[in-house]
Each structure stands twice: as C-alpha cells, then as structure tokens.
Amino acid sequence: MILTIAGVHLLLPVVGILWVADRLWHGPDMPVFDPLRMAALLVAATLYGYLAAFVNLVEMLENMRFRLEVKPAIWVITLICVTELARFTRASWRRTTRSA
C-alpha cells in the first residue's frame, strides 16, 4: 500500500522531472531513460488520470482506494519508475566515475 502511494505521488513526478531535465541537458541523442518504457509510463499515467478523474470521481463520486481497475496501472507505474530510477542512477554513477 505504501509502495503504491509512493509510486504514484512521489516516484512518478521525480521520474518526470529527471526525464525532462535529461532531455534538456543531454538532448534526444543520448537518452538515459528507455524511450519504450517512458512511452509505457505515459500511457499508464494517462490511464490512471482518466480512471481517477472521470470514472471514480465523476461517475461514482467516491475515492479510488477500493477500485480494482486502478491497481494494475498503479503497479505498472511503480515498476517502471523504480527500474528507470535505477537505470538513471547507474548511468549517472558511470558518468561520475569516468570523469574522475
């Protein structure tokens, strides 16, 4: 439960900020983040936003903690964020060891 909350509310914004910063700093020619995983993360985040905003709040007038259709999207978001943060950390560690 805590991991899924951290995945959506903490890891997703951190990965998004790091992805934008990496694209601005290094450009699209040297991507640190996997483009296919980032596309999957965008789809999962869009699906999560749709389910949160329209399905649960507008149609049902309830919160999402007991909604089963949201759980797979949350786990996909968390899994992609954790693996991409590990990849980013490994790439930044390699950059610092090469420059030192």
PDB file of N, CA and C in Angstrom:
ATOM      1  N   MET A   1       0.821  -1.191   0.000  1.00  0.00           N
ATOM      2  CA  MET A   1       0.000   0.000   0.000  1.00  0.00           C
ATOM      3  C   MET A   1       0.865   1.256   0.000  1.00  0.00           C
ATOM      4  N   ILE A   2       1.871   1.302   0.861  1.00  0.00           N
ATOM      5  CA  ILE A   2       2.747   2.461   0.919  1.00  0.00           C
ATOM      6  C   ILE A   2       3.551   2.592  -0.374  1.00  0.00           C
ATOM      7  N   LEU A   3       3.989   1.464  -0.925  1.00  0.00           N
ATOM      8  CA  LEU A   3       4.769   1.496  -2.161  1.00  0.00           C
ATOM      9  C   LEU A   3       3.946   2.029  -3.322  1.00  0.00           C
ATOM     10  N   THR A   4       2.690   1.659  -3.394  1.00  0.00           N
ATOM     11  CA  THR A   4       1.858   2.156  -4.494  1.00  0.00           C
ATOM     12  C   THR A   4       1.570   3.649  -4.347  1.00  0.00           C
ATOM     13  N   ILE A   5       1.387   4.107  -3.136  1.00  0.00           N
ATOM     14  CA  ILE A   5       1.174   5.543  -2.916  1.00  0.00           C
ATOM     15  C   ILE A   5       2.437   6.312  -3.274  1.00  0.00           C
ATOM     16  N   ALA A   6       3.590   5.791  -2.845  1.00  0.00           N
ATOM     17  CA  ALA A   6       4.857   6.446  -3.183  1.00  0.00           C
ATOM     18  C   ALA A   6       5.124   6.376  -4.685  1.00  0.00           C
ATOM     19  N   GLY A   7       4.707   5.297  -5.336  1.00  0.00           N
ATOM     20  CA  GLY A   7       4.932   5.162  -6.769  1.00  0.00           C
ATOM     21  C   GLY A   7       4.212   6.208  -7.579  1.00  0.00           C
ATOM     22  N   VAL A   8       2.991   6.500  -7.220  1.00  0.00           N
ATOM     23  CA  VAL A   8       2.199   7.459  -7.994  1.00  0.00           C
ATOM     24  C   VAL A   8       2.476   8.896  -7.566  1.00  0.00           C
ATOM     25  N   HIS A   9       2.572   9.130  -6.282  1.00  0.00           N
ATOM     26  CA  HIS A   9       2.671  10.501  -5.793  1.00  0.00           C
ATOM     27  C   HIS A   9       4.097  10.998  -5.608  1.00  0.00           C
ATOM     28  N   LEU A  10       5.078  10.112  -5.591  1.00  0.00           N
ATOM     29  CA  LEU A  10       6.462  10.534  -5.403  1.00  0.00           C
ATOM     30  C   LEU A  10       7.348  10.139  -6.586  1.00  0.00           C
ATOM     31  N   LEU A  11       7.345   8.849  -6.926  1.00  0.00           N
ATOM     32  CA  LEU A  11       8.252   8.371  -7.962  1.00  0.00           C
ATOM     33  C   LEU A  11       7.873   8.886  -9.353  1.00  0.00           C
ATOM     34  N   LEU A  12       6.605   8.929  -9.669  1.00  0.00           N
ATOM     35  CA  LEU A  12       6.179   9.406 -10.985  1.00  0.00           C
ATOM     36  C   LEU A  12       6.594  10.859 -11.243  1.00  0.00           C
ATOM     37  N   PRO A  13       6.364  11.789 -10.319  1.00  0.00           N
ATOM     38  CA  PRO A  13       6.851  13.156 -10.566  1.00  0.00           C
ATOM     39  C   PRO A  13       8.378  13.251 -10.620  1.00  0.00           C
ATOM     40  N   VAL A  14       9.074  12.473  -9.793  1.00  0.00           N
ATOM     41  CA  VAL A  14      10.541  12.514  -9.805  1.00  0.00           C
ATOM     42  C   VAL A  14      11.077  12.021 -11.147  1.00  0.00           C
ATOM     43  N   VAL A  15      10.539  10.912 -11.646  1.00  0.00           N
ATOM     44  CA  VAL A  15      10.972  10.398 -12.946  1.00  0.00           C
ATOM     45  C   VAL A  15      10.627  11.389 -14.050  1.00  0.00           C
ATOM     46  N   GLY A  16       9.485  12.008 -13.991  1.00  0.00           N
ATOM     47  CA  GLY A  16       9.113  13.000 -14.992  1.00  0.00           C
ATOM     48  C   GLY A  16      10.050  14.200 -14.997  1.00  0.00           C
ATOM     49  N   ILE A  17      10.389  14.697 -13.829  1.00  0.00           N
ATOM     50  CA  ILE A  17      11.309  15.834 -13.730  1.00  0.00           C
ATOM     51  C   ILE A  17      12.696  15.450 -14.220  1.00  0.00           C
ATOM     52  N   LEU A  18      13.183  14.273 -13.818  1.00  0.00           N
ATOM     53  CA  LEU A  18      14.503  13.830 -14.265  1.00  0.00           C
ATOM     54  C   LEU A  18      14.531  13.582 -15.765  1.00  0.00           C
ATOM     55  N   TRP A  19      13.443  13.060 -16.321  1.00  0.00           N
ATOM     56  CA  TRP A  19      13.382  12.825 -17.762  1.00  0.00           C
ATOM     57  C   TRP A  19      13.446  14.142 -18.540  1.00  0.00           C
ATOM     58  N   VAL A  20      12.674  15.135 -18.094  1.00  0.00           N
ATOM     59  CA  VAL A  20      12.690  16.441 -18.757  1.00  0.00           C
ATOM     60  C   VAL A  20      14.063  17.093 -18.617  1.00  0.00           C
ATOM     61  N   ALA A  21      14.642  17.023 -17.419  1.00  0.00           N
ATOM     62  CA  ALA A  21      15.967  17.611 -17.208  1.00  0.00           C
ATOM     63  C   ALA A  21      17.022  16.907 -18.066  1.00  0.00           C
ATOM     64  N   ASP A  22      16.948  15.600 -18.183  1.00  0.00           N
ATOM     65  CA  ASP A  22      17.896  14.856 -19.006  1.00  0.00           C
ATOM     66  C   ASP A  22      17.740  15.207 -20.473  1.00  0.00           C
ATOM     67  N   ARG A  23      16.511  15.362 -20.929  1.00  0.00           N
ATOM     68  CA  ARG A  23      16.271  15.734 -22.331  1.00  0.00           C
ATOM     69  C   ARG A  23      16.786  17.142 -22.621  1.00  0.00           C
ATOM     70  N   LEU A  24      16.625  18.061 -21.670  1.00  0.00           N
ATOM     71  CA  LEU A  24      17.115  19.420 -21.872  1.00  0.00           C
ATOM     72  C   LEU A  24      18.636  19.489 -21.781  1.00  0.00           C
ATOM     73  N   TRP A  25      19.222  18.705 -20.894  1.00  0.00           N
ATOM     74  CA  TRP A  25      20.655  18.767 -20.658  1.00  0.00           C
ATOM     75  C   TRP A  25      21.453  18.021 -21.737  1.00  0.00           C
ATOM     76  N   HIS A  26      21.067  16.799 -22.039  1.00  0.00           N
ATOM     77  CA  HIS A  26      21.824  15.962 -22.968  1.00  0.00           C
ATOM     78  C   HIS A  26      21.209  15.893 -24.356  1.00  0.00           C
ATOM     79  N   GLY A  27      19.965  16.206 -24.487  1.00  0.00           N
ATOM     80  CA  GLY A  27      19.315  16.141 -25.792  1.00  0.00           C
ATOM     81  C   GLY A  27      18.808  14.738 -26.086  1.00  0.00           C
ATOM     82  N   PRO A  28      18.078  14.600 -27.203  1.00  0.00           N
ATOM     83  CA  PRO A  28      17.497  13.291 -27.519  1.00  0.00           C
ATOM     84  C   PRO A  28      18.498  12.296 -28.094  1.00  0.00           C
ATOM     85  N   ASP A  29      19.735  12.727 -28.378  1.00  0.00           N
ATOM     86  CA  ASP A  29      20.694  11.816 -28.982  1.00  0.00           C
ATOM     87  C   ASP A  29      21.307  10.841 -27.986  1.00  0.00           C
ATOM     88  N   MET A  30      21.373  11.182 -26.699  1.00  0.00           N
ATOM     89  CA  MET A  30      21.926  10.302 -25.654  1.00  0.00           C
ATOM     90  C   MET A  30      20.880  10.038 -24.569  1.00  0.00           C
ATOM     91  N   PRO A  31      19.834   9.303 -24.833  1.00  0.00           N
ATOM     92  CA  PRO A  31      18.815   9.117 -23.792  1.00  0.00           C
ATOM     93  C   PRO A  31      19.302   8.185 -22.688  1.00  0.00           C
ATOM     94  N   VAL A  32      19.104   8.601 -21.454  1.00  0.00           N
ATOM     95  CA  VAL A  32      19.392   7.746 -20.308  1.00  0.00           C
ATOM     96  C   VAL A  32      18.182   6.867 -20.025  1.00  0.00           C
ATOM     97  N   PHE A  33      17.003   7.426 -20.204  1.00  0.00           N
ATOM     98  CA  PHE A  33      15.781   6.688 -19.976  1.00  0.00           C
ATOM     99  C   PHE A  33      15.395   5.931 -21.240  1.00  0.00           C
ATOM    100  N   ASP A  34      14.859   4.740 -21.065  1.00  0.00           N
ATOM    101  CA  ASP A  34      14.431   3.919 -22.188  1.00  0.00           C
ATOM    102  C   ASP A  34      13.166   4.535 -22.802  1.00  0.00           C
ATOM    103  N   PRO A  35      13.191   4.867 -24.086  1.00  0.00           N
ATOM    104  CA  PRO A  35      12.027   5.509 -24.708  1.00  0.00           C
ATOM    105  C   PRO A  35      10.771   4.636 -24.686  1.00  0.00           C
ATOM    106  N   LEU A  36      10.927   3.331 -24.829  1.00  0.00           N
ATOM    107  CA  LEU A  36       9.765   2.452 -24.812  1.00  0.00           C
ATOM    108  C   LEU A  36       9.126   2.412 -23.415  1.00  0.00           C
ATOM    109  N   ARG A  37       9.957   2.344 -22.393  1.00  0.00           N
ATOM    110  CA  ARG A  37       9.414   2.359 -21.025  1.00  0.00           C
ATOM    111  C   ARG A  37       8.779   3.702 -20.689  1.00  0.00           C
ATOM    112  N   MET A  38       9.364   4.781 -21.184  1.00  0.00           N
ATOM    113  CA  MET A  38       8.785   6.094 -20.913  1.00  0.00           C
ATOM    114  C   MET A  38       7.448   6.256 -21.633  1.00  0.00           C
ATOM    115  N   ALA A  39       7.313   5.661 -22.822  1.00  0.00           N
ATOM    116  CA  ALA A  39       6.020   5.678 -23.510  1.00  0.00           C
ATOM    117  C   ALA A  39       4.994   4.862 -22.732  1.00  0.00           C
ATOM    118  N   ALA A  40       5.412   3.718 -22.219  1.00  0.00           N
ATOM    119  CA  ALA A  40       4.505   2.899 -21.402  1.00  0.00           C
ATOM    120  C   ALA A  40       4.127   3.629 -20.118  1.00  0.00           C
ATOM    121  N   LEU A  41       5.068   4.357 -19.543  1.00  0.00           N
ATOM    122  CA  LEU A  41       4.774   5.137 -18.337  1.00  0.00           C
ATOM    123  C   LEU A  41       3.779   6.252 -18.643  1.00  0.00           C
ATOM    124  N   LEU A  42       3.917   6.891 -19.788  1.00  0.00           N
ATOM    125  CA  LEU A  42       2.971   7.926 -20.182  1.00  0.00           C
ATOM    126  C   LEU A  42       1.571   7.353 -20.374  1.00  0.00           C
ATOM    127  N   VAL A  43       1.477   6.192 -20.994  1.00  0.00           N
ATOM    128  CA  VAL A  43       0.175   5.551 -21.189  1.00  0.00           C
ATOM    129  C   VAL A  43      -0.439   5.160 -19.846  1.00  0.00           C
ATOM    130  N   ALA A  44       0.372   4.581 -18.960  1.00  0.00           N
ATOM    131  CA  ALA A  44      -0.138   4.169 -17.644  1.00  0.00           C
ATOM    132  C   ALA A  44      -0.560   5.375 -16.812  1.00  0.00           C
ATOM    133  N   ALA A  45       0.202   6.449 -16.867  1.00  0.00           N
ATOM    134  CA  ALA A  45      -0.160   7.655 -16.114  1.00  0.00           C
ATOM    135  C   ALA A  45      -1.421   8.303 -16.672  1.00  0.00           C
ATOM    136  N   THR A  46      -1.572   8.283 -17.991  1.00  0.00           N
ATOM    137  CA  THR A  46      -2.789   8.817 -18.603  1.00  0.00           C
ATOM    138  C   THR A  46      -4.003   7.979 -18.224  1.00  0.00           C
ATOM    139  N   LEU A  47      -3.846   6.663 -18.246  1.00  0.00           N
ATOM    140  CA  LEU A  47      -4.924   5.767 -17.831  1.00  0.00           C
ATOM    141  C   LEU A  47      -5.280   5.992 -16.371  1.00  0.00           C
ATOM    142  N   TYR A  48      -4.270   6.144 -15.525  1.00  0.00           N
ATOM    143  CA  TYR A  48      -4.511   6.412 -14.106  1.00  0.00           C
ATOM    144  C   TYR A  48      -5.265   7.734 -13.920  1.00  0.00           C
ATOM    145  N   GLY A  49      -4.838   8.758 -14.645  1.00  0.00           N
ATOM    146  CA  GLY A  49      -5.524  10.049 -14.550  1.00  0.00           C
ATOM    147  C   GLY A  49      -6.968   9.967 -15.016  1.00  0.00           C
ATOM    148  N   TYR A  50      -7.199   9.220 -16.098  1.00  0.00           N
ATOM    149  CA  TYR A  50      -8.566   9.042 -16.585  1.00  0.00           C
ATOM    150  C   TYR A  50      -9.423   8.315 -15.556  1.00  0.00           C
ATOM    151  N   LEU A  51      -8.888   7.230 -15.022  1.00  0.00           N
ATOM    152  CA  LEU A  51      -9.656   6.474 -14.035  1.00  0.00           C
ATOM    153  C   LEU A  51      -9.889   7.283 -12.770  1.00  0.00           C
ATOM    154  N   ALA A  52      -8.918   8.087 -12.385  1.00  0.00           N
ATOM    155  CA  ALA A  52      -9.064   8.893 -11.172  1.00  0.00           C
ATOM    156  C   ALA A  52     -10.068  10.015 -11.364  1.00  0.00           C
ATOM    157  N   ALA A  53      -9.958  10.709 -12.481  1.00  0.00           N
ATOM    158  CA  ALA A  53     -10.783  11.902 -12.660  1.00  0.00           C
ATOM    159  C   ALA A  53     -12.195  11.587 -13.127  1.00  0.00           C
ATOM    160  N   PHE A  54     -12.325  10.787 -14.154  1.00  0.00           N
ATOM    161  CA  PHE A  54     -13.639  10.618 -14.756  1.00  0.00           C
ATOM    162  C   PHE A  54     -14.428   9.442 -14.207  1.00  0.00           C
ATOM    163  N   VAL A  55     -13.784   8.296 -14.075  1.00  0.00           N
ATOM    164  CA  VAL A  55     -14.520   7.104 -13.674  1.00  0.00           C
ATOM    165  C   VAL A  55     -14.895   7.154 -12.202  1.00  0.00           C
ATOM    166  N   ASN A  56     -13.935   7.451 -11.350  1.00  0.00           N
ATOM    167  CA  ASN A  56     -14.205   7.369  -9.921  1.00  0.00           C
ATOM    168  C   ASN A  56     -14.863   8.610  -9.344  1.00  0.00           C
ATOM    169  N   LEU A  57     -14.404   9.783  -9.725  1.00  0.00           N
ATOM    170  CA  LEU A  57     -14.960  10.987  -9.115  1.00  0.00           C
ATOM    171  C   LEU A  57     -16.245  11.457  -9.781  1.00  0.00           C
ATOM    172  N   VAL A  58     -16.282  11.443 -11.088  1.00  0.00           N
ATOM    173  CA  VAL A  58     -17.454  11.970 -11.786  1.00  0.00           C
ATOM    174  C   VAL A  58     -18.608  10.971 -11.779  1.00  0.00           C
ATOM    175  N   GLU A  59     -18.324   9.733 -12.153  1.00  0.00           N
ATOM    176  CA  GLU A  59     -19.407   8.753 -12.268  1.00  0.00           C
ATOM    177  C   GLU A  59     -19.820   8.162 -10.931  1.00  0.00           C
ATOM    178  N   MET A  60     -18.839   7.821 -10.089  1.00  0.00           N
ATOM    179  CA  MET A  60     -19.150   7.100  -8.859  1.00  0.00           C
ATOM    180  C   MET A  60     -19.183   7.986  -7.616  1.00  0.00           C
ATOM    181  N   LEU A  61     -18.576   9.166  -7.690  1.00  0.00           N
ATOM    182  CA  LEU A  61     -18.474  10.082  -6.551  1.00  0.00           C
ATOM    183  C   LEU A  61     -17.854   9.400  -5.329  1.00  0.00           C
ATOM    184  N   GLU A  62     -16.757   8.716  -5.561  1.00  0.00           N
ATOM    185  CA  GLU A  62     -16.048   8.060  -4.462  1.00  0.00           C
ATOM    186  C   GLU A  62     -14.553   8.097  -4.736  1.00  0.00           C
ATOM    187  N   ASN A  63     -13.778   7.797  -3.714  1.00  0.00           N
ATOM    188  CA  ASN A  63     -12.331   7.785  -3.909  1.00  0.00           C
ATOM    189  C   ASN A  63     -11.873   6.457  -4.507  1.00  0.00           C
ATOM    190  N   MET A  64     -10.571   6.331  -4.786  1.00  0.00           N
ATOM    191  CA  MET A  64     -10.085   5.192  -5.555  1.00  0.00           C
ATOM    192  C   MET A  64      -9.485   4.072  -4.723  1.00  0.00           C
ATOM    193  N   ARG A  65      -9.458   4.155  -3.458  1.00  0.00           N
ATOM    194  CA  ARG A  65      -8.691   3.152  -2.723  1.00  0.00           C
ATOM    195  C   ARG A  65      -9.285   1.755  -2.803  1.00  0.00           C
ATOM    196  N   PHE A  66     -10.529   1.618  -3.141  1.00  0.00           N
ATOM    197  CA  PHE A  66     -11.133   0.290  -3.241  1.00  0.00           C
ATOM    198  C   PHE A  66     -11.480  -0.090  -4.680  1.00  0.00           C
ATOM    199  N   ARG A  67     -11.000   0.652  -5.632  1.00  0.00           N
ATOM    200  CA  ARG A  67     -11.315   0.381  -7.025  1.00  0.00           C
ATOM    201  C   ARG A  67     -10.289  -0.582  -7.607  1.00  0.00           C
ATOM    202  N   LEU A  68     -10.732  -1.709  -8.127  1.00  0.00           N
ATOM    203  CA  LEU A  68      -9.820  -2.739  -8.614  1.00  0.00           C
ATOM    204  C   LEU A  68      -9.202  -2.407  -9.965  1.00  0.00           C
ATOM    205  N   GLU A  69      -9.859  -1.610 -10.785  1.00  0.00           N
ATOM    206  CA  GLU A  69      -9.296  -1.334 -12.094  1.00  0.00           C
ATOM    207  C   GLU A  69      -8.097  -0.389 -12.041  1.00  0.00           C
ATOM    208  N   VAL A  70      -7.872   0.267 -10.925  1.00  0.00           N
ATOM    209  CA  VAL A  70      -6.758   1.202 -10.799  1.00  0.00           C
ATOM    210  C   VAL A  70      -5.475   0.488 -10.374  1.00  0.00           C
ATOM    211  N   LYS A  71      -5.579  -0.608  -9.667  1.00  0.00           N
ATOM    212  CA  LYS A  71      -4.405  -1.292  -9.122  1.00  0.00           C
ATOM    213  C   LYS A  71      -3.387  -1.712 -10.174  1.00  0.00           C
ATOM    214  N   PRO A  72      -3.761  -2.309 -11.309  1.00  0.00           N
ATOM    215  CA  PRO A  72      -2.726  -2.678 -12.295  1.00  0.00           C
ATOM    216  C   PRO A  72      -1.978  -1.470 -12.846  1.00  0.00           C
ATOM    217  N   ALA A  73      -2.663  -0.375 -13.076  1.00  0.00           N
ATOM    218  CA  ALA A  73      -1.989   0.833 -13.569  1.00  0.00           C
ATOM    219  C   ALA A  73      -1.018   1.371 -12.533  1.00  0.00           C
ATOM    220  N   ILE A  74      -1.392   1.314 -11.263  1.00  0.00           N
ATOM    221  CA  ILE A  74      -0.510   1.794 -10.200  1.00  0.00           C
ATOM    222  C   ILE A  74       0.735   0.927 -10.113  1.00  0.00           C
ATOM    223  N   TRP A  75       0.589  -0.382 -10.231  1.00  0.00           N
ATOM    224  CA  TRP A  75       1.754  -1.269 -10.158  1.00  0.00           C
ATOM    225  C   TRP A  75       2.664  -1.097 -11.360  1.00  0.00           C
ATOM    226  N   VAL A  76       2.092  -0.875 -12.538  1.00  0.00           N
ATOM    227  CA  VAL A  76       2.919  -0.633 -13.726  1.00  0.00           C
ATOM    228  C   VAL A  76       3.692   0.679 -13.568  1.00  0.00           C
ATOM    229  N   ILE A  77       3.033   1.718 -13.091  1.00  0.00           N
ATOM    230  CA  ILE A  77       3.699   3.000 -12.856  1.00  0.00           C
ATOM    231  C   ILE A  77       4.839   2.834 -11.862  1.00  0.00           C
ATOM    232  N   THR A  78       4.586   2.144 -10.757  1.00  0.00           N
ATOM    233  CA  THR A  78       5.608   1.951  -9.733  1.00  0.00           C
ATOM    234  C   THR A  78       6.780   1.139 -10.263  1.00  0.00           C
ATOM    235  N   LEU A  79       6.508   0.070 -10.975  1.00  0.00           N
ATOM    236  CA  LEU A  79       7.570  -0.783 -11.502  1.00  0.00           C
ATOM    237  C   LEU A  79       8.436  -0.039 -12.517  1.00  0.00           C
ATOM    238  N   ILE A  80       7.822   0.679 -13.425  1.00  0.00           N
ATOM    239  CA  ILE A  80       8.595   1.425 -14.423  1.00  0.00           C
ATOM    240  C   ILE A  80       9.407   2.529 -13.757  1.00  0.00           C
ATOM    241  N   CYS A  81       8.825   3.224 -12.794  1.00  0.00           N
ATOM    242  CA  CYS A  81       9.550   4.298 -12.114  1.00  0.00           C
ATOM    243  C   CYS A  81      10.765   3.766 -11.357  1.00  0.00           C
ATOM    244  N   VAL A  82      10.609   2.659 -10.663  1.00  0.00           N
ATOM    245  CA  VAL A  82      11.729   2.093  -9.905  1.00  0.00           C
ATOM    246  C   VAL A  82      12.841   1.638 -10.836  1.00  0.00           C
ATOM    247  N   THR A  83      12.499   0.957 -11.926  1.00  0.00           N
ATOM    248  CA  THR A  83      13.536   0.482 -12.839  1.00  0.00           C
ATOM    249  C   THR A  83      14.215   1.632 -13.574  1.00  0.00           C
ATOM    250  N   GLU A  84      13.476   2.660 -13.944  1.00  0.00           N
ATOM    251  CA  GLU A  84      14.097   3.784 -14.629  1.00  0.00           C
ATOM    252  C   GLU A  84      14.940   4.631 -13.682  1.00  0.00           C
ATOM    253  N   LEU A  85      14.541   4.750 -12.425  1.00  0.00           N
ATOM    254  CA  LEU A  85      15.390   5.455 -11.464  1.00  0.00           C
ATOM    255  C   LEU A  85      16.677   4.682 -11.206  1.00  0.00           C
ATOM    256  N   ALA A  86      16.605   3.362 -11.175  1.00  0.00           N
ATOM    257  CA  ALA A  86      17.823   2.556 -11.023  1.00  0.00           C
ATOM    258  C   ALA A  86      18.719   2.720 -12.237  1.00  0.00           C
ATOM    259  N   ARG A  87      18.142   2.745 -13.413  1.00  0.00           N
ATOM    260  CA  ARG A  87      18.916   2.950 -14.634  1.00  0.00           C
ATOM    261  C   ARG A  87      19.552   4.334 -14.658  1.00  0.00           C
ATOM    262  N   PHE A  88      18.804   5.356 -14.244  1.00  0.00           N
ATOM    263  CA  PHE A  88      19.329   6.716 -14.192  1.00  0.00           C
ATOM    264  C   PHE A  88      20.465   6.824 -13.183  1.00  0.00           C
ATOM    265  N   THR A  89      20.302   6.208 -12.028  1.00  0.00           N
ATOM    266  CA  THR A  89      21.341   6.232 -11.003  1.00  0.00           C
ATOM    267  C   THR A  89      22.601   5.547 -11.492  1.00  0.00           C
ATOM    268  N   ARG A  90      22.445   4.407 -12.131  1.00  0.00           N
ATOM    269  CA  ARG A  90      23.596   3.676 -12.662  1.00  0.00           C
ATOM    270  C   ARG A  90      24.301   4.490 -13.744  1.00  0.00           C
ATOM    271  N   ALA A  91      23.555   5.145 -14.621  1.00  0.00           N
ATOM    272  CA  ALA A  91      24.153   5.949 -15.683  1.00  0.00           C
ATOM    273  C   ALA A  91      24.866   7.174 -15.122  1.00  0.00           C
ATOM    274  N   SER A  92      24.287   7.815 -14.123  1.00  0.00           N
ATOM    275  CA  SER A  92      24.943   8.987 -13.542  1.00  0.00           C
ATOM    276  C   SER A  92      26.178   8.575 -12.742  1.00  0.00           C
ATOM    277  N   TRP A  93      26.147   7.399 -12.122  1.00  0.00           N
ATOM    278  CA  TRP A  93      27.327   6.903 -11.410  1.00  0.00           C
ATOM    279  C   TRP A  93      28.452   6.604 -12.391  1.00  0.00           C
ATOM    280  N   ARG A  94      28.116   6.039 -13.546  1.00  0.00           N
ATOM    281  CA  ARG A  94      29.128   5.761 -14.568  1.00  0.00           C
ATOM    282  C   ARG A  94      29.723   7.049 -15.109  1.00  0.00           C
ATOM    283  N   ARG A  95      28.901   8.084 -15.261  1.00  0.00           N
ATOM    284  CA  ARG A  95      29.422   9.361 -15.757  1.00  0.00           C
ATOM    285  C   ARG A  95      30.408   9.959 -14.771  1.00  0.00           C
ATOM    286  N   THR A  96      30.107   9.871 -13.481  1.00  0.00           N
ATOM    287  CA  THR A  96      30.995  10.470 -12.483  1.00  0.00           C
ATOM    288  C   THR A  96      32.293   9.663 -12.353  1.00  0.00           C
ATOM    289  N   THR A  97      32.235   8.347 -12.488  1.00  0.00           N
ATOM    290  CA  THR A  97      33.464   7.562 -12.379  1.00  0.00           C
ATOM    291  C   THR A  97      34.341   7.733 -13.623  1.00  0.00           C
ATOM    292  N   ARG A  98      33.750   7.961 -14.777  1.00  0.00           N
ATOM    293  CA  ARG A  98      34.552   8.190 -15.989  1.00  0.00           C
ATOM    294  C   ARG A  98      35.230   9.557 -15.966  1.00  0.00           C
ATOM    295  N   SER A  99      34.543  10.549 -15.414  1.00  0.00           N
ATOM    296  CA  SER A  99      35.108  11.904 -15.399  1.00  0.00           C
ATOM    297  C   SER A  99      36.146  12.069 -14.283  1.00  0.00           C
ATOM    298  N   ALA A 100      36.126  11.204 -13.290  1.00  0.00           N
ATOM    299  CA  ALA A 100      37.068  11.348 -12.160  1.00  0.00           C
ATOM    300  C   ALA A 100      38.413  10.731 -12.446  1.00  0.00           C
TER     301      ALA A 100
END
